Amino acid sequence: MELRGAKVVLRSTHDADITQLDAIVREPEVAAWWSPPEDYGAMLSVVFADEVIGAVQYEEEAAPEFRHASIDIFLTARLHGKGLGTDAVRTLARWLVHERGHHRLTIDPAAANTAAIRNYGKVGFKPVGVMRAYARDHRTGEWRDGLLMDLLADELL
């Protein structure tokens, strides 16, 4: 699979990407919000200028009454703030809406991750509510709040 955005390419993760993705997810700025995934192969690698700079993943709810998809992303800290995360999320969101037929998408950053929340807002995601004690911080073991955000297909920017 390959999806082309304005700046990045999302493609199936290759075995050769796993070492780079594992190093990225362990960067202090990334590890603050992510723990190393069990299966990098289930993700799409985010590529910029022929370099793997992070990964996105999605899940789809198939039950007709609740059909929607969710997204998660991490990028190397050295490229934060350059619009690459926004482009990656927008590219995946467009594919999920236009090709997979989802009318609603969700994303659930840590409530304290203001940079991620700003990024998702640029794509059209809106805060829905705070999920208290939502995720355990893998470094400290403490529970932290998550922010549920969603986007309806006609709100996609």
Protein backbone atom coordinates (compact mmCIF):
# COMPACT_ATOMS: atom_id res chain seq x y z
CA MET A 1 0.00 0.00 0.00
CA GLU A 2 1.20 3.52 -0.78
CA LEU A 3 -0.57 6.83 -0.16
CA ARG A 4 0.94 10.10 -1.36
CA GLY A 5 0.42 13.30 0.58
CA ALA A 6 1.59 16.81 -0.24
CA LYS A 7 4.88 16.24 1.64
CA VAL A 8 5.01 12.63 2.82
CA VAL A 9 4.39 9.16 1.53
CA LEU A 10 2.66 6.53 3.66
CA ARG A 11 3.62 3.01 2.68
CA SER A 12 3.55 -0.50 4.01
CA THR A 13 6.29 -1.01 6.59
CA HIS A 14 9.21 -3.11 5.38
CA ASP A 15 11.40 -5.24 7.64
CA ALA A 16 14.24 -2.79 6.95
CA ASP A 17 12.14 0.04 8.51
CA ILE A 18 11.73 -1.58 11.91
CA THR A 19 15.14 -0.60 13.34
CA GLN A 20 14.55 3.05 12.40
CA LEU A 21 10.98 3.06 13.73
CA ASP A 22 12.10 1.47 16.99
CA ALA A 23 14.79 4.15 17.41
CA ILE A 24 12.23 6.92 16.74
CA VAL A 25 9.68 5.62 19.24
CA ARG A 26 12.43 5.57 21.89
CA GLU A 27 13.41 9.24 21.38
CA PRO A 28 12.57 11.03 24.66
CA GLU A 29 10.12 13.44 23.00
CA VAL A 30 8.29 10.54 21.32
CA ALA A 31 8.56 8.09 24.23
CA ALA A 32 6.75 10.65 26.39
CA TRP A 33 3.58 9.73 24.46
CA TRP A 34 4.26 6.31 22.88
CA SER A 35 5.47 2.93 24.07
CA PRO A 36 7.18 0.65 21.55
CA PRO A 37 4.49 -1.16 19.52
CA GLU A 38 4.34 -4.95 19.52
CA ASP A 39 4.05 -5.09 15.72
CA TYR A 40 5.57 -2.38 13.54
CA GLY A 41 4.47 -4.41 10.51
CA ALA A 42 0.84 -3.50 11.21
CA MET A 43 1.69 0.18 10.69
CA LEU A 44 2.36 2.34 7.65
CA SER A 45 5.79 3.95 7.51
CA VAL A 46 5.85 7.73 7.04
CA VAL A 47 8.51 8.62 4.48
CA PHE A 48 9.89 12.11 3.78
CA ALA A 49 12.79 12.79 1.39
CA ASP A 50 13.39 9.02 1.07
CA GLU A 51 13.78 8.65 4.87
CA VAL A 52 11.50 6.77 7.25
CA ILE A 53 10.55 9.44 9.78
CA GLY A 54 7.73 7.74 11.71
CA ALA A 55 4.63 5.61 11.40
CA VAL A 56 0.84 5.83 11.34
CA GLN A 57 -1.69 3.16 12.11
CA TYR A 58 -5.41 2.85 11.80
CA GLU A 59 -8.13 0.56 13.00
CA GLU A 60 -11.55 0.09 11.47
CA GLU A 61 -14.76 -0.79 13.30
CA ALA A 62 -16.71 -3.03 10.96
CA ALA A 63 -20.04 -3.23 12.82
CA PRO A 64 -22.51 -1.25 10.68
CA GLU A 65 -24.05 0.49 13.70
CA PHE A 66 -20.68 1.85 14.84
CA ARG A 67 -18.62 1.93 11.63
CA HIS A 68 -15.70 4.35 11.93
CA ALA A 69 -11.92 4.34 11.91
CA SER A 70 -9.27 5.54 14.34
CA ILE A 71 -5.77 6.88 13.70
CA ASP A 72 -2.48 7.05 15.66
CA ILE A 73 0.87 8.55 14.61
CA PHE A 74 4.42 9.17 15.78
CA LEU A 75 7.22 11.09 14.04
CA THR A 76 10.87 11.70 14.83
CA ALA A 77 11.23 14.70 17.12
CA ARG A 78 13.81 16.40 14.88
CA LEU A 79 11.09 16.99 12.27
CA HIS A 80 8.28 18.09 14.60
CA GLY A 81 6.71 21.43 13.69
CA LYS A 82 7.28 21.18 9.93
CA GLY A 83 3.75 20.13 8.92
CA LEU A 84 4.75 16.54 8.18
CA GLY A 85 2.51 15.04 10.87
CA THR A 86 -0.42 17.13 9.68
CA ASP A 87 0.17 15.94 6.12
CA ALA A 88 0.45 12.30 7.22
CA VAL A 89 -2.77 12.42 9.27
CA ARG A 90 -4.63 14.28 6.50
CA THR A 91 -3.42 11.79 3.87
CA LEU A 92 -4.56 8.78 5.90
CA ALA A 93 -7.85 10.48 6.84
CA ARG A 94 -8.65 11.22 3.18
CA TRP A 95 -8.01 7.59 2.26
CA LEU A 96 -10.17 6.33 5.13
CA VAL A 97 -13.03 8.65 4.12
CA HIS A 98 -12.82 8.50 0.33
CA GLU A 99 -11.56 4.97 -0.29
CA ARG A 100 -12.71 3.05 2.78
CA GLY A 101 -16.05 4.86 3.11
CA HIS A 102 -15.82 6.01 6.72
CA HIS A 103 -18.08 8.90 7.73
CA ARG A 104 -16.32 9.44 11.08
CA LEU A 105 -12.74 9.18 12.33
CA THR A 106 -11.35 9.35 15.86
CA ILE A 107 -7.96 10.08 17.38
CA ASP A 108 -7.07 10.04 21.07
CA PRO A 109 -3.92 11.93 22.07
CA ALA A 110 -2.88 12.38 25.68
CA ALA A 111 -4.76 15.40 27.01
CA ALA A 112 -1.43 17.07 27.82
CA ASN A 113 0.00 16.58 24.31
CA THR A 114 -0.85 20.07 23.06
CA ALA A 115 1.32 19.83 19.94
CA ALA A 116 -0.51 16.71 18.75
CA ILE A 117 -3.88 18.24 19.54
CA ARG A 118 -2.99 21.34 17.46
CA ASN A 119 -1.83 19.09 14.60
CA TYR A 120 -5.06 17.11 14.55
CA GLY A 121 -7.13 20.29 14.68
CA LYS A 122 -5.44 21.44 11.45
CA VAL A 123 -6.90 18.36 9.75
CA GLY A 124 -10.40 19.05 11.12
CA PHE A 125 -10.51 16.90 14.27
CA LYS A 126 -12.53 18.45 17.10
CA PRO A 127 -12.35 17.70 20.83
CA VAL A 128 -15.23 15.53 22.04
CA GLY A 129 -14.26 15.05 25.67
CA VAL A 130 -11.62 14.08 28.18
CA MET A 131 -11.26 10.40 28.98
CA ARG A 132 -10.07 10.36 32.59
CA ALA A 133 -7.22 8.04 33.58
CA TYR A 134 -7.30 6.73 30.01
CA ALA A 135 -3.79 5.41 29.38
CA ARG A 136 -0.95 4.24 31.58
CA ASP A 137 2.37 6.03 31.05
CA HIS A 138 4.76 3.17 30.22
CA ARG A 139 7.67 5.02 31.85
CA THR A 140 6.08 5.98 35.19
CA GLY A 141 3.12 3.63 35.48
CA GLU A 142 0.83 6.58 36.23
CA TRP A 143 -2.56 6.92 34.59
CA ARG A 144 -3.06 9.98 32.40
CA ASP A 145 -6.04 11.54 30.72
CA GLY A 146 -6.70 11.25 27.01
CA LEU A 147 -8.54 13.65 24.74
CA LEU A 148 -11.05 12.03 22.43
CA MET A 149 -11.24 13.92 19.14
CA ASP A 150 -13.37 13.10 16.12
CA LEU A 151 -13.84 14.26 12.57
CA LEU A 152 -16.86 13.82 10.35
CA ALA A 153 -16.21 13.27 6.65
CA ASP A 154 -17.52 16.69 5.62
CA GLU A 155 -15.22 18.39 8.18
CA LEU A 156 -12.00 17.02 6.67
CA LEU A 157 -9.69 19.92 5.80
